[in-house]
């Protein structure tokens, strides 16, 4: 078989969640795209390996390899986790990239967190976290909880083992992981409660034990985590599960050990609220973040944002200039740019992440119209409220106009109608909009991106290629939308995109004016698979 002979895609078999949502997976041989490395961990379903892309060895990924024979009827639970992760986009939630499927295995490509688990991190470094360090970690995870609750999702298994760190550095980003127990809840009408007994016993609130709860169960679990990080032991223990559950239900939280003499009154006050037996008296995640404890000490990560003024990036372009450059681009260009963001190293995006956190003053993990307006005013950009709304509308992709709210009641799933989302910029959309295209879109990178979408390896991108590339991300879009993407770039309507057309699409607004597109971005003379 010659290297230029078209490949044939196997039929993409959708996985089904417990709510009958379809998860589309790629059937491309993942080994043709990734080099697998050392094993990071082994579990009941399979293993996790370290991997790099064949055409980009600088970024590492964690790929979960799941043996289908080990699922034993838990296919829907796995589909639930993938469905949830691919919908979430927050700086402190583990990033889902791609999903592949073969006859025997399912491969989930995720963000690799070099820093490891929170528990392991403390044990290996043999350190006791200061209250200040605990505050930083909890504030980041609380921001993630605010975000998922606003999306109508409850995690149901927040614990130290489900928090990873991106790097070994003491101040690297914590990430909330493992959404296998996550579920949707009725965020609008709030009439129905969750019933399933689920989670980790030490972190379970009284209402989960009793089988009648809502998203406030996450606040209790976060409170248990906060308590444990501050003093080294959980607030409630027992020699058996029965005794533990009894203590959780009837005992009040106490601050009696000597270590609490060194902990602030604000921290103890917040804990008393988060560990309230009555979930109605428990604060929401947003109310937790507004508590004085989070305002008493300045977060070191916020200090870094002050350095942005001295960076070359900030000197070159204002936030408004960055976002305005991105507006009005072709839909396919936005899809390609989001793939590029997923392939870039953390260090390449760090300055943009700091800008995002500075704009996101309410720690929701998204940027609202008012937040963007405030940031633009501070930098001296003169824009109206209407102009900002128009700007955001041209940045966001149209894939999620509303969210279907599903949950469970007495074991039966319920479905609410879609609710319109408020206008906001999601995390990855912001990064994609703000990258400096003139510096990022090198000849090698454009060729690598082109080959990513040229899944049939025929030298151009066609409909099936786009379908396949999006299936890697667990997505499926309509034939009409694919036609619209292609026609925006190639009005000749031959249903395919050449490398020259691809480069023109990607560089029409961001290319360095001194470059000659034909010379700099001409298709490489030899094919490299």
Protein backbone atom coordinates (compact mmCIF):
# COMPACT_ATOMS: atom_id res chain seq x y z
CA UNK A 1 0.00 0.00 0.00
CA UNK A 2 1.49 3.37 -1.03
CA UNK A 3 1.79 6.15 1.50
CA UNK A 4 -0.57 8.39 -0.47
CA UNK A 5 -3.31 5.82 -0.88
CA UNK A 6 -6.52 7.00 0.83
CA UNK A 7 -7.36 5.34 4.10
CA UNK A 8 -10.86 4.16 4.90
CA UNK A 9 -12.52 5.19 8.14
CA UNK A 10 -14.33 2.49 10.05
CA UNK A 11 -17.88 3.21 11.10
CA UNK A 12 -17.93 5.54 14.09
CA UNK A 13 -19.94 3.77 16.77
CA UNK A 14 -21.57 6.21 19.22
CA UNK A 15 -21.45 5.48 22.94
CA UNK A 16 -24.63 6.22 24.90
CA UNK A 17 -24.87 7.99 28.25
CA UNK A 18 -27.49 7.04 30.83
CA UNK A 19 -29.48 10.01 29.50
CA UNK A 20 -29.28 8.72 25.90
CA UNK A 21 -26.77 11.36 24.83
CA UNK A 22 -24.51 10.11 22.04
CA UNK A 23 -20.72 10.21 22.34
CA UNK A 24 -19.07 9.99 18.93
CA UNK A 25 -15.60 8.48 18.86
CA UNK A 26 -12.88 8.31 16.24
CA UNK A 27 -11.97 4.90 14.83
CA UNK A 28 -8.63 6.06 13.47
CA UNK A 29 -5.77 3.91 14.78
CA UNK A 30 -4.52 6.06 17.66
CA UNK A 31 -1.04 4.55 17.32
CA UNK A 32 -0.73 6.26 13.94
CA UNK A 33 -1.04 9.64 15.69
CA UNK A 34 0.57 9.14 19.11
CA UNK A 35 3.71 7.57 20.53
CA UNK A 36 2.91 5.76 23.77
CA UNK A 37 5.38 5.97 26.66
CA UNK A 38 5.56 4.84 30.27
CA UNK A 39 2.57 3.65 32.28
CA UNK A 40 1.37 6.33 34.72
CA UNK A 41 -1.17 4.18 36.53
CA UNK A 42 -3.26 1.01 36.44
CA UNK A 43 -6.92 0.72 37.43
CA UNK A 44 -9.81 -1.72 37.26
CA UNK A 45 -10.83 -0.61 33.76
CA UNK A 46 -7.35 -0.40 32.23
CA UNK A 47 -4.29 1.82 32.44
CA UNK A 48 -3.07 5.37 31.82
CA UNK A 49 0.03 5.97 29.70
CA UNK A 50 2.14 9.02 28.91
CA UNK A 51 2.06 9.93 25.21
CA UNK A 52 3.18 12.50 22.67
CA UNK A 53 1.87 13.26 19.19
CA UNK A 54 4.04 11.94 16.38
CA UNK A 55 4.15 15.37 14.74
CA UNK A 56 4.69 17.29 18.00
CA UNK A 57 6.83 15.61 20.64
CA UNK A 58 7.09 18.68 22.88
CA UNK A 59 3.67 18.33 24.55
CA UNK A 60 2.79 15.35 26.72
CA UNK A 61 -0.66 13.80 27.12
CA UNK A 62 -2.19 11.27 29.49
CA UNK A 63 -4.11 8.61 27.55
CA UNK A 64 -6.51 6.38 29.44
CA UNK A 65 -6.69 2.95 27.77
CA UNK A 66 -9.90 1.16 28.74
CA UNK A 67 -10.38 -2.53 28.02
CA UNK A 68 -14.00 -2.92 26.89
CA UNK A 69 -14.10 -6.39 28.46
CA UNK A 70 -13.52 -4.81 31.89
CA UNK A 71 -16.44 -2.39 31.74
CA UNK A 72 -18.98 -5.01 32.87
CA UNK A 73 -22.10 -2.97 32.18
CA UNK A 74 -20.52 0.38 33.11
CA UNK A 75 -20.38 1.63 29.52
CA UNK A 76 -22.97 4.31 30.29
CA UNK A 77 -20.98 5.56 33.29
CA UNK A 78 -17.90 5.94 31.09
CA UNK A 79 -19.96 7.71 28.43
CA UNK A 80 -21.35 10.02 31.14
CA UNK A 81 -17.82 11.03 32.14
CA UNK A 82 -16.72 11.71 28.56
CA UNK A 83 -19.91 13.64 27.82
CA UNK A 84 -19.43 15.79 30.91
CA UNK A 85 -15.72 16.45 30.36
CA UNK A 86 -16.09 17.47 26.73
CA UNK A 87 -18.70 20.05 27.78
CA UNK A 88 -16.53 21.61 30.49
CA UNK A 89 -13.96 24.31 29.79
CA UNK A 90 -12.34 25.80 32.88
CA UNK A 91 -8.69 26.49 33.84
CA UNK A 92 -8.98 24.30 36.96
CA UNK A 93 -10.81 21.32 35.44
CA UNK A 94 -8.86 18.54 33.75
CA UNK A 95 -8.91 19.06 29.99
CA UNK A 96 -10.43 16.43 27.72
CA UNK A 97 -8.88 16.38 24.25
CA UNK A 98 -9.87 13.35 22.18
CA UNK A 99 -11.54 9.94 22.27
CA UNK A 100 -10.74 6.96 20.03
CA UNK A 101 -12.23 3.50 19.80
CA UNK A 102 -10.99 0.18 18.46
CA UNK A 103 -12.59 -3.24 18.57
CA UNK A 104 -11.10 -3.97 21.99
CA UNK A 105 -10.26 -0.62 23.58
CA UNK A 106 -11.46 2.92 24.20
CA UNK A 107 -8.73 5.58 24.35
CA UNK A 108 -9.35 8.88 26.15
CA UNK A 109 -6.71 11.55 25.56
CA UNK A 110 -6.46 13.96 28.49
CA UNK A 111 -4.31 16.76 29.84
CA UNK A 112 -1.17 15.43 31.54
CA UNK A 113 -0.62 16.77 35.05
CA UNK A 114 3.05 16.31 35.90
CA UNK A 115 2.63 17.44 39.51
CA UNK A 116 0.55 14.39 40.49
CA UNK A 117 -2.15 14.06 43.14
CA UNK A 118 -2.58 16.51 46.00
CA UNK A 119 -2.17 13.70 48.55
CA UNK A 120 1.01 12.35 46.92
CA UNK A 121 2.40 15.86 46.56
CA UNK A 122 2.18 16.52 50.29
CA UNK A 123 3.54 13.07 51.21
CA UNK A 124 6.49 13.17 48.79
CA UNK A 125 7.57 16.68 49.72
CA UNK A 126 6.92 15.98 53.41
CA UNK A 127 5.40 19.38 53.91
CA UNK A 128 2.57 20.81 55.92
CA UNK A 129 0.67 23.29 53.82
CA UNK A 130 0.31 26.76 55.26
CA UNK A 131 -3.13 28.30 55.54
CA UNK A 132 -2.14 30.63 52.74
CA UNK A 133 -1.24 27.72 50.45
CA UNK A 134 -4.46 25.89 51.32
CA UNK A 135 -6.42 29.04 50.55
CA UNK A 136 -4.91 29.19 47.08
CA UNK A 137 -5.73 25.55 46.28
CA UNK A 138 -9.28 25.72 47.63
CA UNK A 139 -10.01 29.01 45.84
CA UNK A 140 -9.04 27.43 42.51
CA UNK A 141 -11.13 24.30 43.09
CA UNK A 142 -14.03 26.39 44.39
CA UNK A 143 -13.90 28.37 41.14
CA UNK A 144 -14.21 25.07 39.25
CA UNK A 145 -17.20 24.11 41.41
CA UNK A 146 -18.88 27.46 40.74
CA UNK A 147 -18.45 26.77 37.04
CA UNK A 148 -19.83 23.21 36.99
CA UNK A 149 -22.80 24.19 39.16
CA UNK A 150 -23.63 27.01 36.76
CA UNK A 151 -23.57 24.37 34.00
CA UNK A 152 -26.08 22.28 35.96
CA UNK A 153 -23.51 19.61 36.88
CA UNK A 154 -22.75 18.19 40.33
CA UNK A 155 -19.43 16.35 40.80
CA UNK A 156 -20.36 14.08 43.76
CA UNK A 157 -16.80 12.91 44.50
CA UNK A 158 -14.65 15.92 45.41
CA UNK A 159 -11.69 14.70 47.46
CA UNK A 160 -7.91 15.14 47.73
CA UNK A 161 -7.28 12.16 45.42
CA UNK A 162 -9.27 13.89 42.68
CA UNK A 163 -7.07 16.98 42.54
CA UNK A 164 -3.97 16.95 40.34
CA UNK A 165 -1.31 19.61 39.73
CA UNK A 166 -0.08 20.62 36.30
CA UNK A 167 3.58 20.91 37.35
CA UNK A 168 5.94 20.13 40.23
CA UNK A 169 6.06 23.80 41.22
CA UNK A 170 4.43 24.68 44.54
CA UNK A 171 2.24 27.26 42.80
CA UNK A 172 1.23 25.26 39.74
CA UNK A 173 -2.45 24.99 38.85
CA UNK A 174 -4.64 22.44 40.68
CA UNK A 175 -7.11 20.56 38.47
CA UNK A 176 -10.36 18.87 39.48
CA UNK A 177 -10.55 15.41 37.89
CA UNK A 178 -12.67 12.21 37.75
CA UNK A 179 -16.19 13.09 36.65
CA UNK A 180 -17.29 9.44 36.64
CA UNK A 181 -19.88 10.11 39.37
CA UNK A 182 -20.97 13.50 37.99
CA UNK A 183 -24.62 14.09 37.17
CA UNK A 184 -26.89 16.84 35.97
CA UNK A 185 -29.30 18.58 38.29
CA UNK A 186 -32.31 20.83 37.89
CA UNK A 187 -30.59 24.20 38.10
CA UNK A 188 -33.69 26.18 37.04
CA UNK A 189 -36.74 24.83 38.84
CA UNK A 190 -34.92 23.06 41.68
CA UNK A 191 -37.93 20.81 42.25
CA UNK A 192 -36.22 17.45 41.98
CA UNK A 193 -33.43 15.98 44.07
CA UNK A 194 -30.78 13.34 43.41
CA UNK A 195 -31.21 9.98 45.14
CA UNK A 196 -28.24 7.76 44.30
CA UNK A 197 -25.96 6.77 47.18
CA UNK A 198 -22.58 7.59 45.67
CA UNK A 199 -19.19 9.09 46.51
CA UNK A 200 -16.36 8.52 48.99
CA UNK A 201 -17.57 7.87 52.59
CA UNK A 202 -15.23 10.33 54.37
CA UNK A 203 -16.47 13.13 52.11
CA UNK A 204 -20.20 12.28 52.05
CA UNK A 205 -22.66 14.80 53.53
CA UNK A 206 -25.66 13.70 55.65
CA UNK A 207 -28.16 14.19 52.81
CA UNK A 208 -26.29 11.83 50.44
CA UNK A 209 -26.32 9.17 53.16
CA UNK A 210 -30.07 9.74 53.50
CA UNK A 211 -30.61 9.72 49.72
CA UNK A 212 -32.11 13.16 49.06
CA UNK A 213 -29.67 15.84 47.89
CA UNK A 214 -28.65 18.47 45.35
CA UNK A 215 -25.44 20.26 44.31
CA UNK A 216 -24.80 21.41 47.89
CA UNK A 217 -23.25 17.97 48.48
CA UNK A 218 -20.17 19.31 46.65
CA UNK A 219 -19.89 22.16 49.17
CA UNK A 220 -19.78 19.69 52.06
CA UNK A 221 -17.10 17.62 50.31
CA UNK A 222 -15.07 20.76 49.60
CA UNK A 223 -15.44 21.67 53.28
CA UNK A 224 -14.12 18.25 54.33
CA UNK A 225 -11.17 18.78 52.00
CA UNK A 226 -10.49 22.25 53.41
CA UNK A 227 -10.69 20.98 57.00
CA UNK A 228 -8.35 18.07 56.24
CA UNK A 229 -5.76 20.27 54.50
CA UNK A 230 -5.69 22.75 57.38
CA UNK A 231 -5.31 20.28 60.26
CA UNK A 232 -4.23 16.98 58.68
CA UNK A 233 -7.27 14.91 59.69
CA UNK A 234 -10.87 14.73 58.40
CA UNK A 235 -13.64 16.33 60.48
CA UNK A 236 -15.54 13.06 60.93
CA UNK A 237 -14.15 9.54 61.39
CA UNK A 238 -15.43 6.14 62.51
CA UNK A 239 -14.16 2.62 63.07
CA UNK A 240 -16.73 1.36 60.58
CA UNK A 241 -18.80 2.85 57.77
CA UNK A 242 -21.86 2.70 59.96
CA UNK A 243 -20.11 4.60 62.78
CA UNK A 244 -18.63 7.10 60.30
CA UNK A 245 -22.04 7.79 58.74
CA UNK A 246 -23.60 8.18 62.20
CA UNK A 247 -20.94 10.72 63.20
CA UNK A 248 -21.44 12.63 59.94
CA UNK A 249 -25.18 12.83 60.62
CA UNK A 250 -25.20 13.77 64.32
CA UNK A 251 -21.84 15.25 65.37
CA UNK A 252 -20.96 18.91 64.94
CA UNK A 253 -17.66 20.01 63.44
CA UNK A 254 -15.06 20.85 66.10
CA UNK A 255 -11.80 22.79 66.16
CA UNK A 256 -10.23 21.33 69.30
CA UNK A 257 -6.73 20.20 68.32
CA UNK A 258 -3.79 22.54 68.95
CA UNK A 259 -3.27 23.19 65.25
CA UNK A 260 -6.50 25.19 65.15
CA UNK A 261 -4.92 27.77 67.44
CA UNK A 262 -2.81 28.83 64.45
CA UNK A 263 -5.73 28.92 61.98
CA UNK A 264 -7.65 32.14 61.35
CA UNK A 265 -11.16 32.69 62.68
CA UNK A 266 -12.29 33.41 59.11
CA UNK A 267 -11.28 29.89 58.04
CA UNK A 268 -13.14 28.30 60.96
CA UNK A 269 -16.21 30.41 60.26
CA UNK A 270 -16.25 29.35 56.61
CA UNK A 271 -15.84 25.69 57.59
CA UNK A 272 -18.74 25.90 60.03
CA UNK A 273 -20.94 27.10 57.19
CA UNK A 274 -19.69 24.60 54.58
CA UNK A 275 -20.15 21.69 57.02
CA UNK A 276 -23.65 22.67 58.09
CA UNK A 277 -25.88 19.58 58.42
CA UNK A 278 -28.71 21.43 56.70
CA UNK A 279 -27.86 21.91 52.99
CA UNK A 280 -30.23 24.88 52.87
CA UNK A 281 -27.99 26.69 55.37
CA UNK A 282 -24.86 25.70 53.48
CA UNK A 283 -23.48 28.46 51.19
CA UNK A 284 -23.31 28.03 47.44
CA UNK A 285 -19.89 27.79 45.80
CA UNK A 286 -20.22 31.44 44.76
CA UNK A 287 -21.08 32.48 48.32
CA UNK A 288 -18.06 30.55 49.59
CA UNK A 289 -15.78 32.54 47.27
CA UNK A 290 -17.32 35.77 48.58
CA UNK A 291 -16.47 34.80 52.17
CA UNK A 292 -13.95 37.08 53.97
CA UNK A 293 -11.45 34.21 54.28
CA UNK A 294 -10.71 34.39 50.57
CA UNK A 295 -10.19 38.15 50.82
CA UNK A 296 -7.81 38.17 53.80
CA UNK A 297 -4.63 37.08 52.02
CA UNK A 298 -3.55 37.97 48.53
CA UNK A 299 -3.19 35.03 46.15
CA UNK A 300 0.40 34.87 44.77
CA UNK A 301 -0.93 33.89 41.35
CA UNK A 302 -2.69 37.25 41.17
CA UNK A 303 0.58 39.02 41.83
CA UNK A 304 1.89 37.52 38.62
CA UNK A 305 -0.73 39.40 36.62
CA UNK A 306 0.96 42.66 37.51
CA UNK A 307 3.99 41.47 35.55
CA UNK A 308 1.92 41.26 32.39
CA UNK A 309 2.42 44.96 31.76
CA UNK A 310 6.12 44.37 31.21
CA UNK A 311 5.76 41.44 28.82
CA UNK A 312 6.26 41.79 25.10
CA UNK A 313 2.81 40.33 24.55
CA UNK A 314 1.11 43.04 26.55
CA UNK A 315 3.19 45.79 24.93
CA UNK A 316 2.32 44.59 21.43
CA UNK A 317 -1.45 44.42 21.71
CA UNK A 318 -4.26 45.39 24.06
CA UNK A 319 -6.95 42.88 25.04
CA UNK A 320 -9.36 44.64 22.69
CA UNK A 321 -6.91 44.41 19.79
CA UNK A 322 -6.37 40.71 20.44
CA UNK A 323 -10.09 39.91 20.50
CA UNK A 324 -10.96 42.17 17.59
CA UNK A 325 -8.37 40.47 15.38
CA UNK A 326 -10.12 37.15 15.92
CA UNK A 327 -13.68 38.30 15.19
CA UNK A 328 -15.29 37.50 11.90
CA UNK A 329 -13.04 34.56 11.10
CA UNK A 330 -14.31 31.49 9.27
CA UNK A 331 -16.03 28.88 11.44
CA UNK A 332 -13.56 26.22 10.36
CA UNK A 333 -10.68 28.50 11.34
CA UNK A 334 -12.11 28.69 14.85
CA UNK A 335 -12.31 24.90 15.03
CA UNK A 336 -8.72 24.57 13.82
CA UNK A 337 -7.48 27.20 16.27
CA UNK A 338 -9.08 25.35 19.19
CA UNK A 339 -7.24 22.19 18.11
CA UNK A 340 -4.04 24.25 18.02
CA UNK A 341 -4.64 25.46 21.59
CA UNK A 342 -4.94 21.84 22.72
CA UNK A 343 -1.57 21.07 21.12
CA UNK A 344 0.31 24.02 22.61
CA UNK A 345 2.46 23.77 25.73
CA UNK A 346 1.34 25.33 29.01
CA UNK A 347 4.32 27.71 28.98
CA UNK A 348 3.26 29.12 25.60
CA UNK A 349 -0.16 30.03 26.98
CA UNK A 350 0.75 31.10 30.51
CA UNK A 351 0.55 34.85 29.88
CA UNK A 352 -2.92 34.49 28.29
CA UNK A 353 -4.12 32.38 31.22
CA UNK A 354 -3.03 35.12 33.59
CA UNK A 355 -4.91 37.72 31.56
CA UNK A 356 -8.01 35.49 31.64
CA UNK A 357 -7.84 35.12 35.43
CA UNK A 358 -7.45 38.87 35.82
CA UNK A 359 -10.57 39.58 33.74
CA UNK A 360 -12.60 36.80 35.40
CA UNK A 361 -13.12 38.74 38.63
CA UNK A 362 -16.02 36.58 39.88
CA UNK A 363 -13.95 33.38 39.48
CA UNK A 364 -16.67 31.71 37.41
CA UNK A 365 -14.28 30.36 34.78
CA UNK A 366 -15.93 32.47 32.07
CA UNK A 367 -15.79 36.11 31.00
CA UNK A 368 -19.08 38.01 31.01
CA UNK A 369 -19.98 41.16 29.10
CA UNK A 370 -19.57 43.28 32.24
CA UNK A 371 -16.21 41.74 33.14
CA UNK A 372 -14.84 42.32 29.66
CA UNK A 373 -16.19 45.87 29.62
CA UNK A 374 -14.48 46.61 32.95
CA UNK A 375 -11.16 45.17 31.71
CA UNK A 376 -11.29 47.16 28.47
CA UNK A 377 -12.02 50.39 30.34
CA UNK A 378 -9.03 49.78 32.64
CA UNK A 379 -6.69 49.32 29.67
CA UNK A 380 -8.03 52.48 28.00
CA UNK A 381 -10.07 50.93 25.18
CA UNK A 382 -13.22 52.92 24.43
CA UNK A 383 -16.05 50.55 23.47
CA UNK A 384 -19.78 50.51 24.05
CA UNK A 385 -21.78 47.75 25.74
CA UNK A 386 -23.32 46.86 22.36
CA UNK A 387 -19.87 46.60 20.72
CA UNK A 388 -18.72 44.21 23.44
CA UNK A 389 -21.78 42.01 22.95
CA UNK A 390 -21.11 41.91 19.22
CA UNK A 391 -17.46 41.12 19.87
CA UNK A 392 -18.30 38.15 22.12
CA UNK A 393 -20.89 36.81 19.68
CA UNK A 394 -18.29 36.64 16.90
CA UNK A 395 -15.77 34.88 19.15
CA UNK A 396 -17.82 32.03 20.58
CA UNK A 397 -18.63 28.95 18.54
CA UNK A 398 -22.26 28.00 18.08
CA UNK A 399 -21.95 24.45 19.41
CA UNK A 400 -23.59 25.09 22.81
CA UNK A 401 -26.46 27.55 22.63
CA UNK A 402 -28.21 25.98 25.58
CA UNK A 403 -27.93 23.14 28.03
CA UNK A 404 -30.37 20.31 28.48
CA UNK A 405 -30.92 19.71 32.15
CA UNK A 406 -31.21 16.08 33.13
CA UNK A 407 -31.08 14.33 36.44
CA UNK A 408 -32.68 11.57 38.40
CA UNK A 409 -35.58 11.09 40.75
CA UNK A 410 -36.23 7.72 42.34
CA UNK A 411 -33.89 6.22 39.75
CA UNK A 412 -35.78 7.77 36.83
CA UNK A 413 -34.08 10.35 34.63
CA UNK A 414 -35.90 13.60 33.95
CA UNK A 415 -35.35 16.18 31.23
CA UNK A 416 -35.99 19.89 31.29
CA UNK A 417 -36.16 22.14 28.25
CA UNK A 418 -33.10 23.99 27.04
CA UNK A 419 -32.34 27.27 28.72
CA UNK A 420 -30.53 30.04 26.84
CA UNK A 421 -26.99 30.71 28.00
CA UNK A 422 -25.99 34.22 29.03
CA UNK A 423 -23.48 35.80 26.66
CA UNK A 424 -19.94 34.96 27.78
CA UNK A 425 -16.50 33.88 26.55
CA UNK A 426 -15.37 30.40 27.54
CA UNK A 427 -11.81 29.68 28.61
CA UNK A 428 -10.50 27.98 25.45
CA UNK A 429 -12.36 30.43 23.18
CA UNK A 430 -10.51 33.26 24.92
CA UNK A 431 -7.12 31.57 24.46
CA UNK A 432 -7.90 30.85 20.81
CA UNK A 433 -8.97 34.44 20.21
CA UNK A 434 -5.89 35.99 21.80
CA UNK A 435 -2.94 34.01 20.46
CA UNK A 436 -0.59 36.03 18.30
CA UNK A 437 -1.22 34.47 14.90
CA UNK A 438 1.82 36.10 13.30
CA UNK A 439 4.13 34.31 15.73
CA UNK A 440 2.20 31.06 16.18
CA UNK A 441 1.28 30.17 12.58
CA UNK A 442 4.65 28.96 11.37
CA UNK A 443 4.98 26.87 8.22
CA UNK A 444 5.63 23.70 10.24
CA UNK A 445 2.70 24.28 12.56
CA UNK A 446 0.27 24.97 9.73
CA UNK A 447 1.37 21.82 7.93
CA UNK A 448 0.95 19.82 11.13
CA UNK A 449 -2.58 21.20 11.62
CA UNK A 450 -3.45 20.55 7.98
CA UNK A 451 -2.33 16.92 8.29
CA UNK A 452 -4.37 16.57 11.49
CA UNK A 453 -7.51 17.36 9.49
CA UNK A 454 -6.40 15.53 6.33
CA UNK A 455 -7.39 12.28 8.04
CA UNK A 456 -7.63 10.31 4.77
CA UNK A 457 -4.12 11.41 3.74
CA UNK A 458 -5.05 12.54 0.22
CA UNK A 459 -3.51 16.03 0.25
CA UNK A 460 -6.73 17.96 0.86
CA UNK A 461 -9.45 18.23 3.51
CA UNK A 462 -12.95 17.07 2.64
CA UNK A 463 -16.24 16.46 4.44
CA UNK A 464 -15.36 13.07 5.87
CA UNK A 465 -12.09 14.48 7.21
CA UNK A 466 -13.88 17.17 9.19
CA UNK A 467 -16.39 14.63 10.52
CA UNK A 468 -13.57 12.33 11.60
CA UNK A 469 -11.50 15.09 13.23
CA UNK A 470 -14.50 16.31 15.23
CA UNK A 471 -15.38 12.73 16.20
CA UNK A 472 -11.97 12.59 17.90
CA UNK A 473 -13.34 15.29 20.19
CA UNK A 474 -16.54 13.35 20.81
CA UNK A 475 -18.55 15.65 18.56
CA UNK A 476 -20.78 15.39 15.52
CA UNK A 477 -22.04 18.31 13.44
CA UNK A 478 -24.60 18.41 10.67
CA UNK A 479 -23.84 18.05 6.97
CA UNK A 480 -25.11 21.60 6.41
CA UNK A 481 -22.63 23.05 8.91
CA UNK A 482 -19.74 21.17 7.30
CA UNK A 483 -20.78 22.44 3.86
CA UNK A 484 -20.94 25.95 5.29
CA UNK A 485 -17.40 25.61 6.69
CA UNK A 486 -15.99 24.43 3.36
CA UNK A 487 -17.87 27.00 1.27
CA UNK A 488 -16.56 29.85 3.44
CA UNK A 489 -13.04 28.87 2.44
CA UNK A 490 -13.55 27.44 -1.03
CA UNK A 491 -16.46 29.14 -2.84
CA UNK A 492 -15.59 27.12 -5.97
CA UNK A 493 -17.63 24.41 -4.27
CA UNK A 494 -15.47 21.41 -5.06
CA UNK A 495 -16.09 20.20 -1.48
CA UNK A 496 -12.44 20.16 -0.48
CA UNK A 497 -9.79 22.44 1.02
CA UNK A 498 -6.25 22.50 -0.34
CA UNK A 499 -3.19 23.33 1.74
CA UNK A 500 -2.91 26.75 0.04
CA UNK A 501 -6.54 27.51 0.89
CA UNK A 502 -5.97 26.27 4.43
CA UNK A 503 -2.99 28.61 4.88
CA UNK A 504 -4.89 31.54 3.40
CA UNK A 505 -7.77 30.88 5.81
CA UNK A 506 -5.50 30.70 8.85
CA UNK A 507 -3.30 33.68 7.94
CA UNK A 508 -5.62 36.20 6.31
CA UNK A 509 -5.66 38.38 9.43
CA UNK A 510 -2.64 37.33 11.43
CA UNK A 511 0.16 36.88 8.91
CA UNK A 512 3.26 39.02 9.09
CA UNK A 513 2.96 41.47 6.18
CA UNK A 514 6.61 40.96 5.26
CA UNK A 515 6.00 37.28 4.51
CA UNK A 516 5.25 35.88 1.11
CA UNK A 517 2.49 33.35 1.69
CA UNK A 518 3.33 31.31 -1.38
CA UNK A 519 6.99 31.04 -0.41
CA UNK A 520 6.63 30.67 3.32
CA UNK A 521 3.61 28.36 3.45
CA UNK A 522 3.86 26.35 0.27
CA UNK A 523 3.09 22.67 0.69
CA UNK A 524 6.16 20.64 1.62
CA UNK A 525 7.50 18.69 -1.37
CA UNK A 526 7.29 15.30 0.34
CA UNK A 527 4.50 13.76 2.34
CA UNK A 528 5.22 12.73 5.89
CA UNK A 529 2.65 10.55 7.62
